[in-house]
Amino acid sequence: EKFKILKNEGNDFVKEGKYEEAVNKYSECMKLNTKECTIYTNRALCYLKLYKYEEAKQDCDHVLQIEDSNIKAFYRRALAYKGLQVRKKNMAGI
């Protein structure tokens, strides 16, 4: 029950564009249930919006260990890799 409330609060923060707050809610959810893949893919989305690509990749990796065919996890991990590549190129160009 508490898990559902936290998840819904996290989802509401995402809708409002408050990604840091959403990350905190999803992280609290994970303390209650580590098997719920949606929480990880949702948190990965927030990390992508915050340009925290490494963290997003790790959440997606975690999901894919549980559900190796999770499309959202594959897609968001690809976005994370893309973000990491762009960052690397920008660093090299400096």
C-alpha atoms as a PDB file:
ATOM      1  CA  GLU A   1       0.000   0.000   0.000  1.00  0.00           C
ATOM      2  CA  LYS A   2       2.744   2.449   0.967  1.00  0.00           C
ATOM      3  CA  PHE A   3       4.587   1.309  -2.163  1.00  0.00           C
ATOM      4  CA  LYS A   4       1.619   2.297  -4.367  1.00  0.00           C
ATOM      5  CA  ILE A   5       1.332   5.699  -2.725  1.00  0.00           C
ATOM      6  CA  LEU A   6       5.048   6.428  -3.194  1.00  0.00           C
ATOM      7  CA  LYS A   7       4.934   5.232  -6.807  1.00  0.00           C
ATOM      8  CA  ASN A   8       1.937   7.461  -7.571  1.00  0.00           C
ATOM      9  CA  GLU A   9       3.630  10.439  -5.916  1.00  0.00           C
ATOM     10  CA  GLY A  10       6.712   9.754  -8.048  1.00  0.00           C
ATOM     11  CA  ASN A  11       4.574   9.578 -11.192  1.00  0.00           C
ATOM     12  CA  ASP A  12       2.906  12.877 -10.290  1.00  0.00           C
ATOM     13  CA  PHE A  13       6.313  14.537  -9.859  1.00  0.00           C
ATOM     14  CA  VAL A  14       7.332  13.278 -13.318  1.00  0.00           C
ATOM     15  CA  LYS A  15       4.194  14.821 -14.839  1.00  0.00           C
ATOM     16  CA  GLU A  16       5.146  18.118 -13.187  1.00  0.00           C
ATOM     17  CA  GLY A  17       8.719  17.876 -14.446  1.00  0.00           C
ATOM     18  CA  LYS A  18      10.093  17.540 -10.897  1.00  0.00           C
ATOM     19  CA  TYR A  19      12.549  14.767 -11.678  1.00  0.00           C
ATOM     20  CA  GLU A  20      14.760  15.034  -8.564  1.00  0.00           C
ATOM     21  CA  GLU A  21      11.694  14.622  -6.338  1.00  0.00           C
ATOM     22  CA  ALA A  22      10.464  11.706  -8.447  1.00  0.00           C
ATOM     23  CA  VAL A  23      13.863   9.980  -8.139  1.00  0.00           C
ATOM     24  CA  ASN A  24      13.565  10.244  -4.345  1.00  0.00           C
ATOM     25  CA  LYS A  25      10.072   8.694  -4.351  1.00  0.00           C
ATOM     26  CA  TYR A  26      11.107   5.850  -6.658  1.00  0.00           C
ATOM     27  CA  SER A  27      14.189   5.208  -4.530  1.00  0.00           C
ATOM     28  CA  GLU A  28      11.928   4.910  -1.475  1.00  0.00           C
ATOM     29  CA  CYS A  29       9.761   2.430  -3.402  1.00  0.00           C
ATOM     30  CA  MET A  30      12.837   0.304  -4.069  1.00  0.00           C
ATOM     31  CA  LYS A  31      13.449  -0.044  -0.339  1.00  0.00           C
ATOM     32  CA  LEU A  32      10.010  -1.688  -0.138  1.00  0.00           C
ATOM     33  CA  ASN A  33      10.189  -3.777  -3.324  1.00  0.00           C
ATOM     34  CA  THR A  34      13.272  -4.400  -5.477  1.00  0.00           C
ATOM     35  CA  LYS A  35      11.475  -6.681  -7.963  1.00  0.00           C
ATOM     36  CA  GLU A  36       9.124  -4.066  -9.448  1.00  0.00           C
ATOM     37  CA  CYS A  37      10.693  -3.218 -12.815  1.00  0.00           C
ATOM     38  CA  THR A  38       8.482  -0.216 -13.508  1.00  0.00           C
ATOM     39  CA  ILE A  39      10.088   1.715 -10.663  1.00  0.00           C
ATOM     40  CA  TYR A  40      13.534   1.234 -12.181  1.00  0.00           C
ATOM     41  CA  THR A  41      12.474   2.225 -15.706  1.00  0.00           C
ATOM     42  CA  ASN A  42      10.629   5.250 -14.289  1.00  0.00           C
ATOM     43  CA  ARG A  43      13.673   6.294 -12.282  1.00  0.00           C
ATOM     44  CA  ALA A  44      15.845   5.754 -15.369  1.00  0.00           C
ATOM     45  CA  LEU A  45      13.612   8.187 -17.265  1.00  0.00           C
ATOM     46  CA  CYS A  46      14.142  10.773 -14.515  1.00  0.00           C
ATOM     47  CA  TYR A  47      17.899  10.234 -14.603  1.00  0.00           C
ATOM     48  CA  LEU A  48      17.867  10.760 -18.381  1.00  0.00           C
ATOM     49  CA  LYS A  49      16.002  14.048 -17.913  1.00  0.00           C
ATOM     50  CA  LEU A  50      18.627  15.054 -15.312  1.00  0.00           C
ATOM     51  CA  TYR A  51      21.507  14.068 -17.663  1.00  0.00           C
ATOM     52  CA  LYS A  52      22.588  11.349 -15.201  1.00  0.00           C
ATOM     53  CA  TYR A  53      23.249   8.794 -17.914  1.00  0.00           C
ATOM     54  CA  GLU A  54      25.375   6.386 -15.897  1.00  0.00           C
ATOM     55  CA  GLU A  55      22.651   6.071 -13.224  1.00  0.00           C
ATOM     56  CA  ALA A  56      19.991   5.596 -15.906  1.00  0.00           C
ATOM     57  CA  LYS A  57      22.063   2.852 -17.516  1.00  0.00           C
ATOM     58  CA  GLN A  58      22.480   1.063 -14.182  1.00  0.00           C
ATOM     59  CA  ASP A  59      18.722   1.082 -13.516  1.00  0.00           C
ATOM     60  CA  CYS A  60      18.072  -0.324 -16.986  1.00  0.00           C
ATOM     61  CA  ASP A  61      20.756  -2.983 -16.534  1.00  0.00           C
ATOM     62  CA  HIS A  62      19.050  -4.014 -13.297  1.00  0.00           C
ATOM     63  CA  VAL A  63      15.664  -4.374 -15.022  1.00  0.00           C
ATOM     64  CA  LEU A  64      17.149  -6.388 -17.870  1.00  0.00           C
ATOM     65  CA  GLN A  65      18.641  -8.848 -15.391  1.00  0.00           C
ATOM     66  CA  ILE A  66      15.105  -9.497 -14.090  1.00  0.00           C
ATOM     67  CA  GLU A  67      13.184  -9.131 -17.378  1.00  0.00           C
ATOM     68  CA  ASP A  68      15.475  -9.608 -20.349  1.00  0.00           C
ATOM     69  CA  SER A  69      12.821  -8.475 -22.821  1.00  0.00           C
ATOM     70  CA  ASN A  70      11.732  -5.220 -21.150  1.00  0.00           C
ATOM     71  CA  ILE A  71      11.386  -2.811 -24.083  1.00  0.00           C
ATOM     72  CA  LYS A  72      11.395   0.363 -21.955  1.00  0.00           C
ATOM     73  CA  ALA A  73      14.621  -0.711 -20.291  1.00  0.00           C
ATOM     74  CA  PHE A  74      16.280  -1.400 -23.662  1.00  0.00           C
ATOM     75  CA  TYR A  75      15.101   1.921 -25.071  1.00  0.00           C
ATOM     76  CA  ARG A  76      16.118   3.996 -22.071  1.00  0.00           C
ATOM     77  CA  ARG A  77      19.469   2.228 -21.796  1.00  0.00           C
ATOM     78  CA  ALA A  78      20.089   3.099 -25.450  1.00  0.00           C
ATOM     79  CA  LEU A  79      19.303   6.743 -24.666  1.00  0.00           C
ATOM     80  CA  ALA A  80      21.685   6.588 -21.703  1.00  0.00           C
ATOM     81  CA  TYR A  81      24.455   5.179 -23.908  1.00  0.00           C
ATOM     82  CA  LYS A  82      23.786   7.895 -26.465  1.00  0.00           C
ATOM     83  CA  GLY A  83      24.026  10.550 -23.739  1.00  0.00           C
ATOM     84  CA  LEU A  84      27.288   9.077 -22.485  1.00  0.00           C
ATOM     85  CA  GLN A  85      28.704   9.067 -26.039  1.00  0.00           C
ATOM     86  CA  VAL A  86      27.749  12.708 -26.629  1.00  0.00           C
ATOM     87  CA  ARG A  87      29.290  13.686 -23.288  1.00  0.00           C
ATOM     88  CA  LYS A  88      32.487  11.812 -24.165  1.00  0.00           C
ATOM     89  CA  LYS A  89      32.696  13.573 -27.548  1.00  0.00           C
ATOM     90  CA  ASN A  90      32.157  16.951 -25.915  1.00  0.00           C
ATOM     91  CA  MET A  91      34.895  16.227 -23.369  1.00  0.00           C
ATOM     92  CA  ALA A  92      37.272  15.182 -26.153  1.00  0.00           C
ATOM     93  CA  GLY A  93      36.510  18.367 -28.071  1.00  0.00           C
ATOM     94  CA  ILE A  94      37.497  20.655 -25.211  1.00  0.00           C
END
